[in-house]
């Protein structure tokens, strides 16, 4: 007779402290809530690396810095059960695939005369140079005109 497979038990949820709300006078309702993941320090305290923890189905939150004894103890208890064979961890999830956008063409990047025209850069010439900008602003100040961004609403 073959042995029965141990039940699959996911790791316990990490607990984090609730922030003290000023609106409620700095008083806590319930002190703990379920967090996004275990901190890297908690995972290391159990004796795992981040990659090993993720393969075991343990959620890791790299933004958390705190190390709570409650979480370390909960993880230790769960790992002891897994090592003894009482429960088995969930199947490791495959890493997410990231779709990289392909490089846009030369025309779209305004590297050709047609791209200059499409982007409206053909008629610009020297207008966007630093010296021209300061001359233009000085002229606007002298004429007591409004700022360049406010003046042209259509972008022309």
C-alpha atoms as a PDB file:
ATOM      1  CA  UNK A   1       0.000   0.000   0.000  1.00  0.00           C
ATOM      2  CA  UNK A   2       1.283   3.498  -0.838  1.00  0.00           C
ATOM      3  CA  UNK A   3       1.405   6.159   1.811  1.00  0.00           C
ATOM      4  CA  UNK A   4      -1.164   8.950   1.681  1.00  0.00           C
ATOM      5  CA  UNK A   5       0.173  12.289   0.504  1.00  0.00           C
ATOM      6  CA  UNK A   6       0.353  14.874   3.330  1.00  0.00           C
ATOM      7  CA  UNK A   7      -2.157  17.720   2.949  1.00  0.00           C
ATOM      8  CA  UNK A   8      -0.991  20.883   1.212  1.00  0.00           C
ATOM      9  CA  UNK A   9      -0.881  23.716   3.731  1.00  0.00           C
ATOM     10  CA  UNK A  10       0.119  27.215   2.613  1.00  0.00           C
ATOM     11  CA  UNK A  11       2.407  29.186   4.940  1.00  0.00           C
ATOM     12  CA  UNK A  12       0.715  31.293   7.626  1.00  0.00           C
ATOM     13  CA  UNK A  13      -0.141  34.893   6.818  1.00  0.00           C
ATOM     14  CA  UNK A  14       2.363  37.465   8.056  1.00  0.00           C
ATOM     15  CA  UNK A  15       1.190  39.805  10.794  1.00  0.00           C
ATOM     16  CA  UNK A  16       2.033  43.498  10.857  1.00  0.00           C
ATOM     17  CA  UNK A  17       1.206  46.161  13.408  1.00  0.00           C
ATOM     18  CA  UNK A  18      -1.600  48.544  12.586  1.00  0.00           C
ATOM     19  CA  UNK A  19      -0.544  52.189  12.407  1.00  0.00           C
ATOM     20  CA  UNK A  20      -1.718  54.432  15.223  1.00  0.00           C
ATOM     21  CA  UNK A  21      -4.379  56.733  13.803  1.00  0.00           C
ATOM     22  CA  UNK A  22      -4.338  60.313  15.007  1.00  0.00           C
ATOM     23  CA  UNK A  23      -8.059  60.565  14.207  1.00  0.00           C
ATOM     24  CA  UNK A  24      -8.761  57.920  16.865  1.00  0.00           C
ATOM     25  CA  UNK A  25      -6.540  59.634  19.430  1.00  0.00           C
ATOM     26  CA  UNK A  26      -3.569  57.366  18.722  1.00  0.00           C
ATOM     27  CA  UNK A  27      -5.467  54.366  20.136  1.00  0.00           C
ATOM     28  CA  UNK A  28      -5.181  50.994  18.407  1.00  0.00           C
ATOM     29  CA  UNK A  29      -8.290  49.002  17.582  1.00  0.00           C
ATOM     30  CA  UNK A  30      -6.770  45.577  17.089  1.00  0.00           C
ATOM     31  CA  UNK A  31      -3.020  45.600  17.291  1.00  0.00           C
ATOM     32  CA  UNK A  32      -2.193  43.198  14.414  1.00  0.00           C
ATOM     33  CA  UNK A  33      -3.427  42.829  10.846  1.00  0.00           C
ATOM     34  CA  UNK A  34      -2.520  40.539   7.954  1.00  0.00           C
ATOM     35  CA  UNK A  35       0.400  42.003   6.006  1.00  0.00           C
ATOM     36  CA  UNK A  36       1.526  41.795   2.391  1.00  0.00           C
ATOM     37  CA  UNK A  37       4.501  39.538   3.127  1.00  0.00           C
ATOM     38  CA  UNK A  38       7.259  38.603   5.529  1.00  0.00           C
ATOM     39  CA  UNK A  39      10.210  40.971   5.804  1.00  0.00           C
ATOM     40  CA  UNK A  40      13.607  39.834   4.532  1.00  0.00           C
ATOM     41  CA  UNK A  41      14.893  39.856   8.121  1.00  0.00           C
ATOM     42  CA  UNK A  42      12.125  37.466   9.241  1.00  0.00           C
ATOM     43  CA  UNK A  43      12.862  35.093   6.375  1.00  0.00           C
ATOM     44  CA  UNK A  44      16.606  35.132   7.187  1.00  0.00           C
ATOM     45  CA  UNK A  45      15.887  34.569  10.900  1.00  0.00           C
ATOM     46  CA  UNK A  46      14.231  31.266   9.965  1.00  0.00           C
ATOM     47  CA  UNK A  47      17.300  30.287   7.952  1.00  0.00           C
ATOM     48  CA  UNK A  48      16.027  30.754   4.392  1.00  0.00           C
ATOM     49  CA  UNK A  49      17.040  32.998   1.539  1.00  0.00           C
ATOM     50  CA  UNK A  50      14.449  35.143  -0.235  1.00  0.00           C
ATOM     51  CA  UNK A  51      14.486  32.897  -3.319  1.00  0.00           C
ATOM     52  CA  UNK A  52      14.064  29.720  -1.241  1.00  0.00           C
ATOM     53  CA  UNK A  53      11.167  31.316   0.650  1.00  0.00           C
ATOM     54  CA  UNK A  54       9.416  32.307  -2.572  1.00  0.00           C
ATOM     55  CA  UNK A  55       9.848  28.764  -3.937  1.00  0.00           C
ATOM     56  CA  UNK A  56       8.141  27.459  -0.789  1.00  0.00           C
ATOM     57  CA  UNK A  57       5.209  29.818  -1.394  1.00  0.00           C
ATOM     58  CA  UNK A  58       6.164  32.276   1.352  1.00  0.00           C
ATOM     59  CA  UNK A  59       5.278  35.854   0.424  1.00  0.00           C
ATOM     60  CA  UNK A  60       8.189  38.268   0.915  1.00  0.00           C
ATOM     61  CA  UNK A  61       7.719  42.032   1.168  1.00  0.00           C
ATOM     62  CA  UNK A  62      11.045  43.784   0.489  1.00  0.00           C
ATOM     63  CA  UNK A  63       9.599  47.134   1.635  1.00  0.00           C
ATOM     64  CA  UNK A  64       9.196  45.948   5.241  1.00  0.00           C
ATOM     65  CA  UNK A  65      12.126  46.384   7.643  1.00  0.00           C
ATOM     66  CA  UNK A  66      10.645  45.227  10.940  1.00  0.00           C
ATOM     67  CA  UNK A  67      11.348  41.750  12.337  1.00  0.00           C
ATOM     68  CA  UNK A  68       8.566  40.531  14.631  1.00  0.00           C
ATOM     69  CA  UNK A  69       9.102  37.465  16.848  1.00  0.00           C
ATOM     70  CA  UNK A  70       5.474  36.460  16.214  1.00  0.00           C
ATOM     71  CA  UNK A  71       6.128  36.077  12.489  1.00  0.00           C
ATOM     72  CA  UNK A  72       9.446  34.290  12.967  1.00  0.00           C
ATOM     73  CA  UNK A  73       7.794  31.796  15.330  1.00  0.00           C
ATOM     74  CA  UNK A  74       4.848  31.195  12.978  1.00  0.00           C
ATOM     75  CA  UNK A  75       7.204  30.570  10.056  1.00  0.00           C
ATOM     76  CA  UNK A  76       9.395  28.274  12.186  1.00  0.00           C
ATOM     77  CA  UNK A  77       6.386  26.181  13.268  1.00  0.00           C
ATOM     78  CA  UNK A  78       5.177  25.836   9.660  1.00  0.00           C
ATOM     79  CA  UNK A  79       8.668  24.925   8.408  1.00  0.00           C
ATOM     80  CA  UNK A  80       9.035  22.286  11.154  1.00  0.00           C
ATOM     81  CA  UNK A  81       5.783  20.677   9.995  1.00  0.00           C
ATOM     82  CA  UNK A  82       7.001  20.728   6.385  1.00  0.00           C
ATOM     83  CA  UNK A  83      10.384  19.209   7.328  1.00  0.00           C
ATOM     84  CA  UNK A  84       8.717  16.469   9.426  1.00  0.00           C
ATOM     85  CA  UNK A  85       6.408  15.673   6.510  1.00  0.00           C
ATOM     86  CA  UNK A  86       3.142  16.431   8.320  1.00  0.00           C
ATOM     87  CA  UNK A  87       2.148  18.959   5.632  1.00  0.00           C
ATOM     88  CA  UNK A  88       3.529  19.798   2.200  1.00  0.00           C
ATOM     89  CA  UNK A  89       4.102  23.300   0.823  1.00  0.00           C
ATOM     90  CA  UNK A  90       2.141  24.526  -2.206  1.00  0.00           C
ATOM     91  CA  UNK A  91       3.566  24.068  -5.703  1.00  0.00           C
ATOM     92  CA  UNK A  92       6.123  26.746  -6.569  1.00  0.00           C
ATOM     93  CA  UNK A  93       4.677  29.392  -8.841  1.00  0.00           C
ATOM     94  CA  UNK A  94       6.525  30.287 -12.004  1.00  0.00           C
ATOM     95  CA  UNK A  95       8.086  33.744 -12.056  1.00  0.00           C
ATOM     96  CA  UNK A  96       6.044  36.362 -13.868  1.00  0.00           C
ATOM     97  CA  UNK A  97       7.045  36.934 -17.470  1.00  0.00           C
ATOM     98  CA  UNK A  98       7.748  40.542 -18.323  1.00  0.00           C
ATOM     99  CA  UNK A  99       6.839  41.632 -21.813  1.00  0.00           C
ATOM    100  CA  UNK A 100       9.403  44.041 -23.220  1.00  0.00           C
ATOM    101  CA  UNK A 101       8.128  46.468 -25.816  1.00  0.00           C
ATOM    102  CA  UNK A 102      10.083  46.420 -29.035  1.00  0.00           C
ATOM    103  CA  UNK A 103      12.053  49.465 -30.033  1.00  0.00           C
ATOM    104  CA  UNK A 104       9.992  51.946 -32.027  1.00  0.00           C
ATOM    105  CA  UNK A 105      11.058  52.791 -35.571  1.00  0.00           C
ATOM    106  CA  UNK A 106      13.375  55.561 -36.681  1.00  0.00           C
ATOM    107  CA  UNK A 107      10.523  57.720 -37.970  1.00  0.00           C
ATOM    108  CA  UNK A 108       8.627  57.510 -34.662  1.00  0.00           C
ATOM    109  CA  UNK A 109      11.774  58.557 -32.788  1.00  0.00           C
ATOM    110  CA  UNK A 110      12.103  61.577 -35.104  1.00  0.00           C
ATOM    111  CA  UNK A 111      15.405  60.396 -36.576  1.00  0.00           C
ATOM    112  CA  UNK A 112      14.356  61.034 -40.191  1.00  0.00           C
ATOM    113  CA  UNK A 113      13.025  64.129 -41.988  1.00  0.00           C
ATOM    114  CA  UNK A 114       9.588  62.510 -42.108  1.00  0.00           C
ATOM    115  CA  UNK A 115       9.803  61.925 -38.350  1.00  0.00           C
ATOM    116  CA  UNK A 116      10.771  65.574 -37.819  1.00  0.00           C
ATOM    117  CA  UNK A 117       7.690  66.637 -39.752  1.00  0.00           C
ATOM    118  CA  UNK A 118       5.432  64.205 -37.888  1.00  0.00           C
ATOM    119  CA  UNK A 119       6.711  65.407 -34.514  1.00  0.00           C
ATOM    120  CA  UNK A 120       6.493  69.055 -35.528  1.00  0.00           C
ATOM    121  CA  UNK A 121      10.243  69.575 -35.284  1.00  0.00           C
ATOM    122  CA  UNK A 122      10.920  70.591 -38.887  1.00  0.00           C
ATOM    123  CA  UNK A 123       9.970  74.232 -38.476  1.00  0.00           C
ATOM    124  CA  UNK A 124      11.617  74.621 -35.067  1.00  0.00           C
ATOM    125  CA  UNK A 125      15.138  75.333 -36.293  1.00  0.00           C
ATOM    126  CA  UNK A 126      17.049  77.287 -33.643  1.00  0.00           C
ATOM    127  CA  UNK A 127      13.972  78.292 -31.730  1.00  0.00           C
ATOM    128  CA  UNK A 128      14.528  75.804 -28.926  1.00  0.00           C
ATOM    129  CA  UNK A 129      18.082  76.901 -28.099  1.00  0.00           C
ATOM    130  CA  UNK A 130      18.957  78.290 -24.692  1.00  0.00           C
ATOM    131  CA  UNK A 131      19.964  81.760 -25.918  1.00  0.00           C
ATOM    132  CA  UNK A 132      16.747  82.137 -27.899  1.00  0.00           C
ATOM    133  CA  UNK A 133      14.666  81.231 -24.842  1.00  0.00           C
ATOM    134  CA  UNK A 134      16.238  83.943 -22.694  1.00  0.00           C
ATOM    135  CA  UNK A 135      15.907  86.571 -25.440  1.00  0.00           C
ATOM    136  CA  UNK A 136      12.268  85.619 -25.889  1.00  0.00           C
ATOM    137  CA  UNK A 137      11.569  85.873 -22.146  1.00  0.00           C
ATOM    138  CA  UNK A 138      13.329  89.261 -21.940  1.00  0.00           C
ATOM    139  CA  UNK A 139      11.235  90.531 -24.854  1.00  0.00           C
ATOM    140  CA  UNK A 140       8.034  89.271 -23.153  1.00  0.00           C
ATOM    141  CA  UNK A 141       9.000  91.027 -19.930  1.00  0.00           C
ATOM    142  CA  UNK A 142       9.705  94.257 -21.783  1.00  0.00           C
ATOM    143  CA  UNK A 143       6.330  94.073 -23.568  1.00  0.00           C
ATOM    144  CA  UNK A 144       4.704  93.028 -20.248  1.00  0.00           C
ATOM    145  CA  UNK A 145       3.157  89.991 -21.930  1.00  0.00           C
ATOM    146  CA  UNK A 146       1.989  86.923 -20.079  1.00  0.00           C
ATOM    147  CA  UNK A 147       4.119  83.813 -19.765  1.00  0.00           C
ATOM    148  CA  UNK A 148       4.826  81.760 -22.894  1.00  0.00           C
ATOM    149  CA  UNK A 149       3.010  78.674 -21.585  1.00  0.00           C
ATOM    150  CA  UNK A 150      -0.179  80.624 -20.882  1.00  0.00           C
ATOM    151  CA  UNK A 151      -0.159  82.690 -24.036  1.00  0.00           C
ATOM    152  CA  UNK A 152      -0.418  79.946 -26.678  1.00  0.00           C
ATOM    153  CA  UNK A 153      -3.274  77.636 -25.743  1.00  0.00           C
ATOM    154  CA  UNK A 154      -3.260  75.530 -28.907  1.00  0.00           C
ATOM    155  CA  UNK A 155       0.433  74.724 -28.675  1.00  0.00           C
ATOM    156  CA  UNK A 156       1.234  76.596 -31.932  1.00  0.00           C
END
